[in-house]
Amino acid sequence: MRYAQGGGLTDAERATRERLRLQAVERFEGGQKNAEIAAALRISLRSVERWRRAWREGGEAGVLSRGSPGRARLSEAQIARLERELERGPLAHGWADQRWTLARIKTLIGRFFHVSYTVEGTWRLLKRHGWSWQQPTRRAIERDDDAVEVWKKETWPRVRAPWRNAGPGASSRTRPGSR
């Protein structure tokens, strides 16, 4: 992995890196060679080559930081609309029950905003905006606790896989006694 676990640079590290690039630009303009710049700034020659190419193509603006690569793909207005749609509930959007799953929210984002998120990305988006997973506060009215207990005592032992014998196992296809 290129960066530490968790990926990317912090804002402070990004600013430090940008200062280095701007120092390299000053040296480009002064006519210094890539190897001299790399040694003076204590950075790799490949980085200097890449920065010089970006500087030639875009000037000083070409080497400036473009910000965090993980910036949000939905605007604040889109987030507000998403929250309104979530408050309407899944039934209003064509699902058969009242459960918001991450996959459903991902689909909803795709339908309304034509932006693709992963399920994990959807979770991070919701968490970043103050949403959390929810659990029902009470059990379903249809639940029959007596029937559940009967099932656990009578049916489950019959369908559960039988235990294997606790005898010694062999990791080889040929048994030691068959040689």
Protein backbone atom coordinates (compact mmCIF):
# COMPACT_ATOMS: atom_id res chain seq x y z
CA MET A 1 0.00 0.00 0.00
CA ARG A 2 1.29 3.43 -0.90
CA TYR A 3 0.27 5.20 2.31
CA ALA A 4 -0.29 4.09 5.88
CA GLN A 5 -3.25 1.84 6.66
CA GLY A 6 -6.39 3.94 6.30
CA GLY A 7 -5.00 5.41 3.09
CA GLY A 8 -4.32 8.90 1.90
CA LEU A 9 -2.76 11.94 3.51
CA THR A 10 -4.14 14.19 6.20
CA ASP A 11 -4.74 17.85 5.36
CA ALA A 12 -1.50 18.83 7.15
CA GLU A 13 0.50 16.21 5.26
CA ARG A 14 -1.07 17.33 1.99
CA ALA A 15 -0.09 20.96 2.73
CA THR A 16 3.49 19.91 3.52
CA ARG A 17 3.65 17.96 0.27
CA GLU A 18 2.31 20.97 -1.64
CA ARG A 19 5.01 23.21 -0.11
CA LEU A 20 7.63 20.75 -1.39
CA ARG A 21 6.12 20.88 -4.88
CA LEU A 22 6.17 24.69 -4.86
CA GLN A 23 9.82 24.66 -3.76
CA ALA A 24 10.52 22.31 -6.66
CA VAL A 25 8.74 24.76 -9.03
CA GLU A 26 11.07 27.57 -7.87
CA ARG A 27 14.03 25.33 -8.66
CA PHE A 28 12.53 24.38 -12.06
CA GLU A 29 12.32 28.07 -12.88
CA GLY A 30 15.93 28.50 -11.70
CA GLY A 31 17.04 25.87 -14.21
CA GLN A 32 18.18 23.18 -11.77
CA LYS A 33 18.32 19.56 -12.88
CA ASN A 34 15.93 16.91 -11.53
CA ALA A 35 18.64 15.02 -9.66
CA GLU A 36 19.81 18.19 -7.87
CA ILE A 37 16.24 19.05 -6.84
CA ALA A 38 15.58 15.49 -5.60
CA ALA A 39 18.74 15.54 -3.48
CA ALA A 40 18.10 19.03 -2.10
CA LEU A 41 14.46 18.35 -1.15
CA ARG A 42 15.15 14.74 -0.11
CA ILE A 43 12.50 13.26 -2.38
CA SER A 44 12.60 10.65 -5.12
CA LEU A 45 13.76 11.47 -8.61
CA ARG A 46 10.52 10.04 -10.03
CA SER A 47 8.46 12.50 -7.98
CA VAL A 48 10.53 15.40 -9.30
CA GLU A 49 10.12 14.13 -12.87
CA ARG A 50 6.36 13.81 -12.42
CA TRP A 51 6.11 17.30 -10.87
CA ARG A 52 8.23 18.83 -13.64
CA ARG A 53 5.93 17.28 -16.28
CA ALA A 54 2.84 18.63 -14.46
CA TRP A 55 4.52 22.06 -14.17
CA ARG A 56 5.35 22.11 -17.91
CA GLU A 57 1.78 21.16 -18.84
CA GLY A 58 -0.11 23.34 -16.35
CA GLY A 59 2.30 25.81 -14.80
CA GLU A 60 2.29 26.30 -11.05
CA ALA A 61 -1.40 25.35 -10.93
CA GLY A 62 -0.46 21.95 -12.36
CA VAL A 63 1.44 20.97 -9.22
CA LEU A 64 -1.07 22.28 -6.65
CA SER A 65 -3.00 19.84 -4.51
CA ARG A 66 -6.42 18.88 -5.82
CA GLY A 67 -7.70 18.11 -2.32
CA SER A 68 -8.74 14.86 -0.78
CA PRO A 69 -9.44 12.13 -3.32
CA GLY A 70 -12.34 10.99 -1.15
CA ARG A 71 -14.39 14.15 -1.47
CA ALA A 72 -18.15 13.74 -1.46
CA ARG A 73 -19.89 12.91 -4.70
CA LEU A 74 -23.24 14.29 -3.51
CA SER A 75 -23.78 17.98 -2.88
CA GLU A 76 -25.41 19.28 0.31
CA ALA A 77 -28.65 19.85 -1.63
CA GLN A 78 -28.59 16.24 -2.82
CA ILE A 79 -27.93 15.00 0.72
CA ALA A 80 -30.92 17.02 1.95
CA ARG A 81 -33.11 15.50 -0.78
CA LEU A 82 -31.85 12.01 0.06
CA GLU A 83 -32.79 12.54 3.71
CA ARG A 84 -36.29 13.67 2.69
CA GLU A 85 -36.68 10.58 0.51
CA LEU A 86 -35.47 8.30 3.29
CA GLU A 87 -37.99 9.85 5.67
CA ARG A 88 -40.77 9.01 3.19
CA GLY A 89 -39.95 5.36 3.75
CA PRO A 90 -39.26 2.33 1.54
CA LEU A 91 -42.94 1.75 0.73
CA ALA A 92 -43.10 5.08 -1.08
CA HIS A 93 -40.23 3.91 -3.30
CA GLY A 94 -41.71 0.55 -4.26
CA TRP A 95 -40.33 -1.88 -1.70
CA ALA A 96 -42.71 -4.29 -0.01
CA ASP A 97 -41.75 -3.60 3.60
CA GLN A 98 -40.61 -0.77 5.87
CA ARG A 99 -36.91 -1.72 6.12
CA TRP A 100 -34.18 0.53 4.79
CA THR A 101 -31.19 -1.61 3.93
CA LEU A 102 -27.88 -0.27 2.66
CA ALA A 103 -28.49 -1.97 -0.69
CA ARG A 104 -31.85 -0.21 -1.01
CA ILE A 105 -30.36 3.18 -0.10
CA LYS A 106 -27.58 2.57 -2.63
CA THR A 107 -30.23 1.86 -5.27
CA LEU A 108 -32.15 4.99 -4.27
CA ILE A 109 -29.02 7.15 -4.63
CA GLY A 110 -28.45 5.67 -8.09
CA ARG A 111 -32.05 6.33 -9.16
CA PHE A 112 -32.21 9.93 -8.01
CA PHE A 113 -28.68 11.22 -8.50
CA HIS A 114 -27.12 8.81 -11.06
CA VAL A 115 -24.16 8.27 -8.73
CA SER A 116 -22.85 4.80 -7.94
CA TYR A 117 -21.80 3.96 -4.38
CA THR A 118 -20.71 0.66 -2.92
CA VAL A 119 -22.66 -0.71 0.03
CA GLU A 120 -19.72 0.22 2.29
CA GLY A 121 -19.55 3.69 0.73
CA THR A 122 -23.27 4.13 1.36
CA TRP A 123 -22.74 3.25 5.03
CA ARG A 124 -19.90 5.77 5.33
CA LEU A 125 -22.00 8.47 3.63
CA LEU A 126 -24.93 7.90 6.01
CA LYS A 127 -22.68 7.75 9.07
CA ARG A 128 -20.92 10.99 8.03
CA HIS A 129 -24.32 12.72 7.92
CA GLY A 130 -25.53 11.50 11.30
CA TRP A 131 -27.59 8.46 10.31
CA SER A 132 -27.19 5.22 12.26
CA TRP A 133 -28.52 1.70 12.03
CA GLN A 134 -31.80 1.12 13.77
CA GLN A 135 -33.31 -1.84 15.50
CA PRO A 136 -37.02 -2.26 16.25
CA THR A 137 -37.89 -1.22 19.80
CA ARG A 138 -40.41 -4.01 20.20
CA ARG A 139 -41.06 -7.45 18.81
CA ALA A 140 -43.51 -8.12 16.02
CA ILE A 141 -47.12 -8.64 17.08
CA GLU A 142 -47.23 -11.88 15.07
CA ARG A 143 -44.42 -13.48 17.11
CA ASP A 144 -45.50 -16.52 19.12
CA ASP A 145 -42.92 -17.15 21.85
CA ASP A 146 -44.49 -20.51 22.81
CA ALA A 147 -44.20 -21.78 19.21
CA VAL A 148 -40.57 -20.62 19.09
CA GLU A 149 -39.75 -22.59 22.26
CA VAL A 150 -41.48 -25.72 20.92
CA TRP A 151 -39.52 -25.42 17.66
CA LYS A 152 -36.22 -25.05 19.54
CA LYS A 153 -36.91 -28.10 21.75
CA GLU A 154 -38.51 -30.48 19.23
CA THR A 155 -37.71 -29.51 15.64
CA TRP A 156 -34.18 -28.12 15.94
CA PRO A 157 -32.62 -31.28 17.45
CA ARG A 158 -34.04 -33.30 14.52
CA VAL A 159 -32.74 -31.00 11.76
CA ARG A 160 -29.41 -30.13 13.34
CA ALA A 161 -26.46 -31.95 11.74
CA PRO A 162 -25.26 -34.89 13.83
CA TRP A 163 -21.95 -34.56 15.61
CA ARG A 164 -18.98 -36.36 14.12
CA ASN A 165 -17.08 -38.95 16.10
CA ALA A 166 -14.35 -37.43 18.18
CA GLY A 167 -11.78 -39.94 16.93
CA PRO A 168 -8.34 -38.97 15.68
CA GLY A 169 -8.17 -37.64 12.16
CA ALA A 170 -5.58 -38.22 9.48
CA SER A 171 -4.16 -35.51 7.28
CA SER A 172 -2.76 -37.96 4.73
CA ARG A 173 -4.69 -39.97 2.16
CA THR A 174 -2.66 -43.05 3.05
CA ARG A 175 -2.97 -44.24 6.59
CA PRO A 176 0.20 -45.06 8.49
CA GLY A 177 -0.83 -48.71 8.94
CA SER A 178 -1.36 -49.35 5.20
CA ARG A 179 2.29 -49.03 4.11
